[in-house]
All heavy atoms as atom14 arrays in JSON, in Angstrom:
{
  "sequence": "VLRLSEEEPATGPVERGGTTVVGATCLYAVYDPASGCCTMARAGH",
  "atom14_mask": [
    [1, 1, 1, 1, 1, 1, 1, 0, 0, 0, 0, 0, 0, 0],
    [1, 1, 1, 1, 1, 1, 1, 1, 0, 0, 0, 0, 0, 0],
    [1, 1, 1, 1, 1, 1, 1, 1, 1, 1, 1, 0, 0, 0],
    [1, 1, 1, 1, 1, 1, 1, 1, 0, 0, 0, 0, 0, 0],
    [1, 1, 1, 1, 1, 1, 0, 0, 0, 0, 0, 0, 0, 0],
    [1, 1, 1, 1, 1, 1, 1, 1, 1, 0, 0, 0, 0, 0],
    [1, 1, 1, 1, 1, 1, 1, 1, 1, 0, 0, 0, 0, 0],
    [1, 1, 1, 1, 1, 1, 1, 1, 1, 0, 0, 0, 0, 0],
    [1, 1, 1, 1, 1, 1, 1, 0, 0, 0, 0, 0, 0, 0],
    [1, 1, 1, 1, 1, 0, 0, 0, 0, 0, 0, 0, 0, 0],
    [1, 1, 1, 1, 1, 1, 1, 0, 0, 0, 0, 0, 0, 0],
    [1, 1, 1, 1, 0, 0, 0, 0, 0, 0, 0, 0, 0, 0],
    [1, 1, 1, 1, 1, 1, 1, 0, 0, 0, 0, 0, 0, 0],
    [1, 1, 1, 1, 1, 1, 1, 0, 0, 0, 0, 0, 0, 0],
    [1, 1, 1, 1, 1, 1, 1, 1, 1, 0, 0, 0, 0, 0],
    [1, 1, 1, 1, 1, 1, 1, 1, 1, 1, 1, 0, 0, 0],
    [1, 1, 1, 1, 0, 0, 0, 0, 0, 0, 0, 0, 0, 0],
    [1, 1, 1, 1, 0, 0, 0, 0, 0, 0, 0, 0, 0, 0],
    [1, 1, 1, 1, 1, 1, 1, 0, 0, 0, 0, 0, 0, 0],
    [1, 1, 1, 1, 1, 1, 1, 0, 0, 0, 0, 0, 0, 0],
    [1, 1, 1, 1, 1, 1, 1, 0, 0, 0, 0, 0, 0, 0],
    [1, 1, 1, 1, 1, 1, 1, 0, 0, 0, 0, 0, 0, 0],
    [1, 1, 1, 1, 0, 0, 0, 0, 0, 0, 0, 0, 0, 0],
    [1, 1, 1, 1, 1, 0, 0, 0, 0, 0, 0, 0, 0, 0],
    [1, 1, 1, 1, 1, 1, 1, 0, 0, 0, 0, 0, 0, 0],
    [1, 1, 1, 1, 1, 1, 0, 0, 0, 0, 0, 0, 0, 0],
    [1, 1, 1, 1, 1, 1, 1, 1, 0, 0, 0, 0, 0, 0],
    [1, 1, 1, 1, 1, 1, 1, 1, 1, 1, 1, 1, 0, 0],
    [1, 1, 1, 1, 1, 0, 0, 0, 0, 0, 0, 0, 0, 0],
    [1, 1, 1, 1, 1, 1, 1, 0, 0, 0, 0, 0, 0, 0],
    [1, 1, 1, 1, 1, 1, 1, 1, 1, 1, 1, 1, 0, 0],
    [1, 1, 1, 1, 1, 1, 1, 1, 0, 0, 0, 0, 0, 0],
    [1, 1, 1, 1, 1, 1, 1, 0, 0, 0, 0, 0, 0, 0],
    [1, 1, 1, 1, 1, 0, 0, 0, 0, 0, 0, 0, 0, 0],
    [1, 1, 1, 1, 1, 1, 0, 0, 0, 0, 0, 0, 0, 0],
    [1, 1, 1, 1, 0, 0, 0, 0, 0, 0, 0, 0, 0, 0],
    [1, 1, 1, 1, 1, 1, 0, 0, 0, 0, 0, 0, 0, 0],
    [1, 1, 1, 1, 1, 1, 0, 0, 0, 0, 0, 0, 0, 0],
    [1, 1, 1, 1, 1, 1, 1, 0, 0, 0, 0, 0, 0, 0],
    [1, 1, 1, 1, 1, 1, 1, 1, 0, 0, 0, 0, 0, 0],
    [1, 1, 1, 1, 1, 0, 0, 0, 0, 0, 0, 0, 0, 0],
    [1, 1, 1, 1, 1, 1, 1, 1, 1, 1, 1, 0, 0, 0],
    [1, 1, 1, 1, 1, 0, 0, 0, 0, 0, 0, 0, 0, 0],
    [1, 1, 1, 1, 0, 0, 0, 0, 0, 0, 0, 0, 0, 0],
    [1, 1, 1, 1, 1, 1, 1, 1, 1, 1, 0, 0, 0, 0]
  ],
  "atom14_positions": [
    [[142.89, -45.28, -115.67], [141.69, -44.7, -116.29], [142.02, -43.38, -116.94], [141.49, -43.07, -118.03], [140.57, -44.57, -115.26], [139.38, -43.83, -115.83], [140.12, -45.94, -114.73], [0.0, 0.0, 0.0], [0.0, 0.0, 0.0], [0.0, 0.0, 0.0], [0.0, 0.0, 0.0], [0.0, 0.0, 0.0], [0.0, 0.0, 0.0], [0.0, 0.0, 0.0]],
    [[142.88, -42.6, -116.35], [143.29, -41.33, -116.95], [144.01, -41.59, -118.29], [143.78, -40.88, -119.25], [144.24, -40.57, -116.0], [143.55, -39.85, -114.84], [144.58, -39.29, -113.86], [142.65, -38.72, -115.37], [0.0, 0.0, 0.0], [0.0, 0.0, 0.0], [0.0, 0.0, 0.0], [0.0, 0.0, 0.0], [0.0, 0.0, 0.0], [0.0, 0.0, 0.0]],
    [[144.87, -42.62, -118.32], [145.56, -42.91, -119.54], [144.58, -43.4, -120.64], [144.7, -43.1, -121.82], [146.66, -43.98, -119.31], [147.87, -43.43, -118.59], [149.06, -44.39, -118.75], [148.84, -45.69, -118.13], [149.05, -45.93, -116.85], [149.51, -44.98, -116.04], [148.82, -47.14, -116.35], [0.0, 0.0, 0.0], [0.0, 0.0, 0.0], [0.0, 0.0, 0.0]],
    [[143.6, -44.21, -120.21], [142.59, -44.67, -121.16], [141.83, -43.49, -121.75], [141.51, -43.49, -122.94], [141.62, -45.64, -120.5], [142.19, -47.0, -120.09], [141.11, -47.82, -119.4], [142.75, -47.76, -121.28], [0.0, 0.0, 0.0], [0.0, 0.0, 0.0], [0.0, 0.0, 0.0], [0.0, 0.0, 0.0], [0.0, 0.0, 0.0], [0.0, 0.0, 0.0]],
    [[141.49, -42.52, -120.93], [140.75, -41.37, -121.43], [141.58, -40.54, -122.39], [141.07, -39.96, -123.32], [140.27, -40.5, -120.25], [141.36, -39.96, -119.54], [0.0, 0.0, 0.0], [0.0, 0.0, 0.0], [0.0, 0.0, 0.0], [0.0, 0.0, 0.0], [0.0, 0.0, 0.0], [0.0, 0.0, 0.0], [0.0, 0.0, 0.0], [0.0, 0.0, 0.0]],
    [[142.91, -40.49, -122.17], [143.79, -39.76, -123.08], [143.91, -40.44, -124.43], [144.23, -39.79, -125.42], [145.18, -39.62, -122.45], [145.19, -38.68, -121.25], [146.53, -38.76, -120.49], [147.41, -39.55, -120.94], [146.7, -38.0, -119.51], [0.0, 0.0, 0.0], [0.0, 0.0, 0.0], [0.0, 0.0, 0.0], [0.0, 0.0, 0.0], [0.0, 0.0, 0.0]],
    [[143.62, -41.73, -124.49], [143.66, -42.45, -125.77], [142.44, -42.18, -126.62], [142.46, -42.48, -127.82], [143.75, -43.96, -125.52], [145.05, -44.4, -124.87], [145.03, -45.92, -124.57], [144.0, -46.56, -124.89], [145.98, -46.4, -123.99], [0.0, 0.0, 0.0], [0.0, 0.0, 0.0], [0.0, 0.0, 0.0], [0.0, 0.0, 0.0], [0.0, 0.0, 0.0]],
    [[141.39, -41.63, -126.03], [140.15, -41.4, -126.76], [140.33, -40.24, -127.74], [141.21, -39.39, -127.6], [139.0, -41.08, -125.8], [138.66, -42.24, -124.88], [138.09, -43.41, -125.64], [137.46, -43.2, -126.68], [138.28, -44.54, -125.19], [0.0, 0.0, 0.0], [0.0, 0.0, 0.0], [0.0, 0.0, 0.0], [0.0, 0.0, 0.0], [0.0, 0.0, 0.0]],
    [[139.48, -40.14, -128.8], [139.57, -39.02, -129.74], [139.39, -37.67, -129.06], [138.87, -37.58, -127.95], [138.42, -39.31, -130.73], [138.04, -40.72, -130.55], [138.41, -41.07, -129.11], [0.0, 0.0, 0.0], [0.0, 0.0, 0.0], [0.0, 0.0, 0.0], [0.0, 0.0, 0.0], [0.0, 0.0, 0.0], [0.0, 0.0, 0.0], [0.0, 0.0, 0.0]],
    [[139.79, -36.62, -129.76], [139.71, -35.28, -129.2], [138.31, -34.85, -128.89], [138.04, -33.99, -128.08], [140.37, -34.26, -130.16], [0.0, 0.0, 0.0], [0.0, 0.0, 0.0], [0.0, 0.0, 0.0], [0.0, 0.0, 0.0], [0.0, 0.0, 0.0], [0.0, 0.0, 0.0], [0.0, 0.0, 0.0], [0.0, 0.0, 0.0], [0.0, 0.0, 0.0]],
    [[137.32, -35.5, -129.58], [135.93, -35.15, -129.32], [135.43, -35.66, -128.0], [134.34, -35.34, -127.57], [135.05, -35.73, -130.47], [135.31, -37.13, -130.57], [135.36, -35.07, -131.77], [0.0, 0.0, 0.0], [0.0, 0.0, 0.0], [0.0, 0.0, 0.0], [0.0, 0.0, 0.0], [0.0, 0.0, 0.0], [0.0, 0.0, 0.0], [0.0, 0.0, 0.0]],
    [[136.23, -36.53, -127.36], [135.84, -37.01, -126.03], [135.57, -38.49, -126.06], [135.27, -39.07, -127.1], [0.0, 0.0, 0.0], [0.0, 0.0, 0.0], [0.0, 0.0, 0.0], [0.0, 0.0, 0.0], [0.0, 0.0, 0.0], [0.0, 0.0, 0.0], [0.0, 0.0, 0.0], [0.0, 0.0, 0.0], [0.0, 0.0, 0.0], [0.0, 0.0, 0.0]],
    [[135.65, -39.14, -124.91], [135.41, -40.59, -124.83], [133.96, -40.92, -124.86], [133.28, -41.04, -123.86], [136.03, -40.94, -123.47], [135.86, -39.69, -122.66], [135.98, -38.56, -123.63], [0.0, 0.0, 0.0], [0.0, 0.0, 0.0], [0.0, 0.0, 0.0], [0.0, 0.0, 0.0], [0.0, 0.0, 0.0], [0.0, 0.0, 0.0], [0.0, 0.0, 0.0]],
    [[133.42, -41.09, -126.1], [131.99, -41.32, -126.24], [131.78, -42.55, -127.08], [132.63, -42.93, -127.9], [131.25, -40.13, -126.86], [131.34, -38.93, -125.95], [131.81, -39.78, -128.23], [0.0, 0.0, 0.0], [0.0, 0.0, 0.0], [0.0, 0.0, 0.0], [0.0, 0.0, 0.0], [0.0, 0.0, 0.0], [0.0, 0.0, 0.0], [0.0, 0.0, 0.0]],
    [[130.67, -43.15, -126.93], [130.21, -44.2, -127.81], [128.94, -43.7, -128.48], [128.51, -42.57, -128.29], [129.96, -45.48, -127.06], [128.89, -45.38, -126.0], [128.59, -46.69, -125.35], [129.07, -47.73, -125.85], [127.84, -46.71, -124.38], [0.0, 0.0, 0.0], [0.0, 0.0, 0.0], [0.0, 0.0, 0.0], [0.0, 0.0, 0.0], [0.0, 0.0, 0.0]],
    [[128.26, -44.6, -129.24], [127.03, -44.2, -129.94], [126.03, -43.68, -128.93], [125.77, -44.28, -127.92], [126.47, -45.42, -130.69], [125.28, -45.09, -131.57], [124.72, -46.33, -132.16], [124.16, -47.15, -131.11], [123.89, -48.44, -131.27], [124.13, -49.04, -132.43], [123.36, -49.15, -130.29], [0.0, 0.0, 0.0], [0.0, 0.0, 0.0], [0.0, 0.0, 0.0]],
    [[125.48, -42.51, -129.25], [124.5, -41.92, -128.34], [125.14, -40.93, -127.37], [124.44, -40.33, -126.56], [0.0, 0.0, 0.0], [0.0, 0.0, 0.0], [0.0, 0.0, 0.0], [0.0, 0.0, 0.0], [0.0, 0.0, 0.0], [0.0, 0.0, 0.0], [0.0, 0.0, 0.0], [0.0, 0.0, 0.0], [0.0, 0.0, 0.0], [0.0, 0.0, 0.0]],
    [[126.45, -40.75, -127.45], [127.13, -39.76, -126.63], [127.34, -40.18, -125.19], [127.48, -39.34, -124.33], [0.0, 0.0, 0.0], [0.0, 0.0, 0.0], [0.0, 0.0, 0.0], [0.0, 0.0, 0.0], [0.0, 0.0, 0.0], [0.0, 0.0, 0.0], [0.0, 0.0, 0.0], [0.0, 0.0, 0.0], [0.0, 0.0, 0.0], [0.0, 0.0, 0.0]],
    [[127.35, -41.48, -124.89], [127.52, -41.95, -123.51], [128.98, -42.13, -123.2], [129.69, -42.86, -123.89], [126.77, -43.27, -123.32], [125.41, -43.07, -123.68], [126.84, -43.71, -121.89], [0.0, 0.0, 0.0], [0.0, 0.0, 0.0], [0.0, 0.0, 0.0], [0.0, 0.0, 0.0], [0.0, 0.0, 0.0], [0.0, 0.0, 0.0], [0.0, 0.0, 0.0]],
    [[129.44, -41.51, -122.15], [130.85, -41.66, -121.74], [131.11, -43.07, -121.3], [130.35, -43.67, -120.53], [131.17, -40.7, -120.61], [130.92, -39.36, -121.04], [132.64, -40.78, -120.23], [0.0, 0.0, 0.0], [0.0, 0.0, 0.0], [0.0, 0.0, 0.0], [0.0, 0.0, 0.0], [0.0, 0.0, 0.0], [0.0, 0.0, 0.0], [0.0, 0.0, 0.0]],
    [[132.19, -43.67, -121.77], [132.54, -45.04, -121.36], [133.82, -45.07, -120.54], [134.09, -46.09, -119.92], [132.69, -45.96, -122.58], [131.36, -46.11, -123.3], [133.77, -45.5, -123.53], [0.0, 0.0, 0.0], [0.0, 0.0, 0.0], [0.0, 0.0, 0.0], [0.0, 0.0, 0.0], [0.0, 0.0, 0.0], [0.0, 0.0, 0.0], [0.0, 0.0, 0.0]],
    [[134.63, -44.05, -120.55], [135.82, -44.01, -119.71], [135.52, -43.24, -118.46], [135.25, -42.04, -118.51], [137.01, -43.43, -120.47], [138.23, -43.31, -119.55], [137.36, -44.25, -121.66], [0.0, 0.0, 0.0], [0.0, 0.0, 0.0], [0.0, 0.0, 0.0], [0.0, 0.0, 0.0], [0.0, 0.0, 0.0], [0.0, 0.0, 0.0], [0.0, 0.0, 0.0]],
    [[135.55, -43.89, -117.35], [135.12, -43.33, -116.07], [134.45, -44.45, -115.31], [133.72, -45.22, -115.87], [0.0, 0.0, 0.0], [0.0, 0.0, 0.0], [0.0, 0.0, 0.0], [0.0, 0.0, 0.0], [0.0, 0.0, 0.0], [0.0, 0.0, 0.0], [0.0, 0.0, 0.0], [0.0, 0.0, 0.0], [0.0, 0.0, 0.0], [0.0, 0.0, 0.0]],
    [[134.74, -44.58, -114.03], [134.25, -45.72, -113.29], [134.28, -45.44, -111.8], [134.96, -44.55, -111.33], [135.06, -46.98, -113.61], [0.0, 0.0, 0.0], [0.0, 0.0, 0.0], [0.0, 0.0, 0.0], [0.0, 0.0, 0.0], [0.0, 0.0, 0.0], [0.0, 0.0, 0.0], [0.0, 0.0, 0.0], [0.0, 0.0, 0.0], [0.0, 0.0, 0.0]],
    [[133.52, -46.26, -111.05], [133.59, -46.28, -109.59], [134.09, -47.67, -109.21], [133.99, -48.61, -109.97], [132.22, -46.02, -108.95], [131.33, -47.11, -109.28], [131.63, -44.7, -109.41], [0.0, 0.0, 0.0], [0.0, 0.0, 0.0], [0.0, 0.0, 0.0], [0.0, 0.0, 0.0], [0.0, 0.0, 0.0], [0.0, 0.0, 0.0], [0.0, 0.0, 0.0]],
    [[134.65, -47.77, -108.02], [135.24, -49.04, -107.59], [135.35, -49.1, -106.08], [135.56, -48.08, -105.41], [136.64, -49.24, -108.24], [137.41, -50.81, -107.87], [0.0, 0.0, 0.0], [0.0, 0.0, 0.0], [0.0, 0.0, 0.0], [0.0, 0.0, 0.0], [0.0, 0.0, 0.0], [0.0, 0.0, 0.0], [0.0, 0.0, 0.0], [0.0, 0.0, 0.0]],
    [[135.22, -50.29, -105.52], [135.46, -50.53, -104.08], [136.36, -51.77, -104.01], [136.04, -52.78, -104.61], [134.16, -50.77, -103.32], [134.25, -50.79, -101.8], [132.92, -50.38, -101.19], [134.6, -52.19, -101.28], [0.0, 0.0, 0.0], [0.0, 0.0, 0.0], [0.0, 0.0, 0.0], [0.0, 0.0, 0.0], [0.0, 0.0, 0.0], [0.0, 0.0, 0.0]],
    [[137.45, -51.63, -103.25], [138.38, -52.75, -103.08], [138.59, -53.01, -101.6], [138.81, -52.09, -100.82], [139.73, -52.42, -103.76], [140.75, -53.54, -103.64], [140.52, -54.79, -104.23], [141.95, -53.36, -102.96], [141.43, -55.81, -104.13], [142.88, -54.37, -102.86], [142.6, -55.59, -103.43], [143.52, -56.62, -103.34], [0.0, 0.0, 0.0], [0.0, 0.0, 0.0]],
    [[138.44, -54.28, -101.23], [138.58, -54.68, -99.81], [139.51, -55.87, -99.73], [139.5, -56.75, -100.6], [137.21, -55.02, -99.23], [0.0, 0.0, 0.0], [0.0, 0.0, 0.0], [0.0, 0.0, 0.0], [0.0, 0.0, 0.0], [0.0, 0.0, 0.0], [0.0, 0.0, 0.0], [0.0, 0.0, 0.0], [0.0, 0.0, 0.0], [0.0, 0.0, 0.0]],
    [[140.33, -55.92, -98.65], [141.2, -57.05, -98.38], [140.84, -57.6, -97.02], [140.9, -56.85, -95.99], [142.67, -56.64, -98.41], [143.56, -57.81, -98.0], [143.06, -56.14, -99.82], [0.0, 0.0, 0.0], [0.0, 0.0, 0.0], [0.0, 0.0, 0.0], [0.0, 0.0, 0.0], [0.0, 0.0, 0.0], [0.0, 0.0, 0.0], [0.0, 0.0, 0.0]],
    [[140.46, -58.87, -96.97], [140.09, -59.52, -95.69], [141.2, -60.47, -95.25], [141.69, -61.3, -96.04], [138.78, -60.3, -95.85], [138.42, -61.06, -94.58], [138.02, -60.37, -93.43], [138.46, -62.46, -94.56], [137.74, -61.07, -92.28], [138.17, -63.13, -93.4], [137.78, -62.44, -92.26], [137.48, -63.12, -91.1], [0.0, 0.0, 0.0], [0.0, 0.0, 0.0]],
    [[141.62, -60.32, -94.0], [142.65, -61.16, -93.4], [142.05, -62.09, -92.36], [141.62, -61.6, -91.29], [143.74, -60.27, -92.76], [144.94, -61.04, -92.26], [144.89, -62.28, -92.31], [145.92, -60.41, -91.84], [0.0, 0.0, 0.0], [0.0, 0.0, 0.0], [0.0, 0.0, 0.0], [0.0, 0.0, 0.0], [0.0, 0.0, 0.0], [0.0, 0.0, 0.0]],
    [[141.97, -63.37, -92.63], [141.31, -64.28, -91.65], [142.14, -64.51, -90.42], [141.62, -65.02, -89.41], [141.15, -65.59, -92.47], [142.28, -65.55, -93.44], [142.44, -64.1, -93.81], [0.0, 0.0, 0.0], [0.0, 0.0, 0.0], [0.0, 0.0, 0.0], [0.0, 0.0, 0.0], [0.0, 0.0, 0.0], [0.0, 0.0, 0.0], [0.0, 0.0, 0.0]],
    [[143.43, -64.16, -90.46], [144.27, -64.34, -89.27], [143.88, -63.35, -88.17], [143.91, -63.69, -86.99], [145.73, -64.18, -89.6], [0.0, 0.0, 0.0], [0.0, 0.0, 0.0], [0.0, 0.0, 0.0], [0.0, 0.0, 0.0], [0.0, 0.0, 0.0], [0.0, 0.0, 0.0], [0.0, 0.0, 0.0], [0.0, 0.0, 0.0], [0.0, 0.0, 0.0]],
    [[143.49, -62.15, -88.56], [143.12, -61.12, -87.6], [141.64, -60.77, -87.63], [141.16, -60.09, -86.73], [143.94, -59.83, -87.87], [143.6, -59.31, -89.15], [0.0, 0.0, 0.0], [0.0, 0.0, 0.0], [0.0, 0.0, 0.0], [0.0, 0.0, 0.0], [0.0, 0.0, 0.0], [0.0, 0.0, 0.0], [0.0, 0.0, 0.0], [0.0, 0.0, 0.0]],
    [[140.9, -61.23, -88.65], [139.5, -60.84, -88.78], [139.32, -59.4, -89.18], [138.22, -58.85, -89.05], [0.0, 0.0, 0.0], [0.0, 0.0, 0.0], [0.0, 0.0, 0.0], [0.0, 0.0, 0.0], [0.0, 0.0, 0.0], [0.0, 0.0, 0.0], [0.0, 0.0, 0.0], [0.0, 0.0, 0.0], [0.0, 0.0, 0.0], [0.0, 0.0, 0.0]],
    [[140.39, -58.82, -89.73], [140.33, -57.39, -90.1], [140.12, -57.24, -91.62], [140.71, -57.99, -92.41], [141.64, -56.71, -89.68], [141.69, -54.97, -90.04], [0.0, 0.0, 0.0], [0.0, 0.0, 0.0], [0.0, 0.0, 0.0], [0.0, 0.0, 0.0], [0.0, 0.0, 0.0], [0.0, 0.0, 0.0], [0.0, 0.0, 0.0], [0.0, 0.0, 0.0]],
    [[139.29, -56.32, -92.03], [139.0, -56.05, -93.43], [139.38, -54.6, -93.7], [138.88, -53.68, -93.06], [137.52, -56.29, -93.75], [137.16, -56.19, -95.53], [0.0, 0.0, 0.0], [0.0, 0.0, 0.0], [0.0, 0.0, 0.0], [0.0, 0.0, 0.0], [0.0, 0.0, 0.0], [0.0, 0.0, 0.0], [0.0, 0.0, 0.0], [0.0, 0.0, 0.0]],
    [[140.3, -54.41, -94.65], [140.76, -53.08, -95.03], [140.11, -52.7, -96.36], [140.2, -53.45, -97.34], [142.28, -53.04, -95.18], [142.86, -53.54, -93.98], [142.78, -51.62, -95.42], [0.0, 0.0, 0.0], [0.0, 0.0, 0.0], [0.0, 0.0, 0.0], [0.0, 0.0, 0.0], [0.0, 0.0, 0.0], [0.0, 0.0, 0.0], [0.0, 0.0, 0.0]],
    [[139.42, -51.54, -96.42], [138.67, -51.17, -97.59], [139.01, -49.73, -98.0], [139.39, -48.9, -97.21], [137.17, -51.21, -97.31], [136.68, -52.46, -96.66], [134.85, -52.36, -96.44], [134.61, -53.66, -95.24], [0.0, 0.0, 0.0], [0.0, 0.0, 0.0], [0.0, 0.0, 0.0], [0.0, 0.0, 0.0], [0.0, 0.0, 0.0], [0.0, 0.0, 0.0]],
    [[138.81, -49.5, -99.3], [138.89, -48.17, -99.88], [137.94, -48.11, -101.07], [137.72, -49.13, -101.73], [140.32, -47.82, -100.33], [0.0, 0.0, 0.0], [0.0, 0.0, 0.0], [0.0, 0.0, 0.0], [0.0, 0.0, 0.0], [0.0, 0.0, 0.0], [0.0, 0.0, 0.0], [0.0, 0.0, 0.0], [0.0, 0.0, 0.0], [0.0, 0.0, 0.0]],
    [[137.38, -46.94, -101.31], [136.42, -46.83, -102.41], [136.66, -45.58, -103.23], [137.14, -44.57, -102.73], [134.97, -46.89, -101.91], [134.57, -45.8, -100.97], [133.16, -46.02, -100.44], [132.75, -45.0, -99.51], [131.59, -44.3, -99.61], [130.81, -44.5, -100.63], [131.26, -43.42, -98.71], [0.0, 0.0, 0.0], [0.0, 0.0, 0.0], [0.0, 0.0, 0.0]],
    [[136.31, -45.68, -104.5], [136.43, -44.55, -105.43], [135.06, -44.24, -105.97], [134.63, -44.74, -107.0], [137.4, -44.93, -106.56], [0.0, 0.0, 0.0], [0.0, 0.0, 0.0], [0.0, 0.0, 0.0], [0.0, 0.0, 0.0], [0.0, 0.0, 0.0], [0.0, 0.0, 0.0], [0.0, 0.0, 0.0], [0.0, 0.0, 0.0], [0.0, 0.0, 0.0]],
    [[134.32, -43.4, -105.23], [133.01, -42.96, -105.69], [131.95, -44.07, -105.66], [130.88, -43.89, -106.26], [0.0, 0.0, 0.0], [0.0, 0.0, 0.0], [0.0, 0.0, 0.0], [0.0, 0.0, 0.0], [0.0, 0.0, 0.0], [0.0, 0.0, 0.0], [0.0, 0.0, 0.0], [0.0, 0.0, 0.0], [0.0, 0.0, 0.0], [0.0, 0.0, 0.0]],
    [[132.22, -45.18, -105.04], [131.32, -46.34, -105.04], [130.47, -46.36, -103.78], [130.93, -45.88, -102.73], [132.13, -47.63, -105.16], [131.34, -48.76, -105.74], [131.14, -48.92, -107.1], [130.67, -49.77, -105.15], [130.41, -49.99, -107.29], [130.11, -50.53, -106.13], [0.0, 0.0, 0.0], [0.0, 0.0, 0.0], [0.0, 0.0, 0.0], [0.0, 0.0, 0.0]]
  ]
}
């Protein structure tokens, strides 16, 4: 995401109306049925 933001014009990563489009939240989880354990991490989500 940092690299994507660096590709944007110098005026900033905006679309029509001035809304930022580079930037996101995310949650990723891995479930293991052998142990019943779920490992999770989140980025502002």
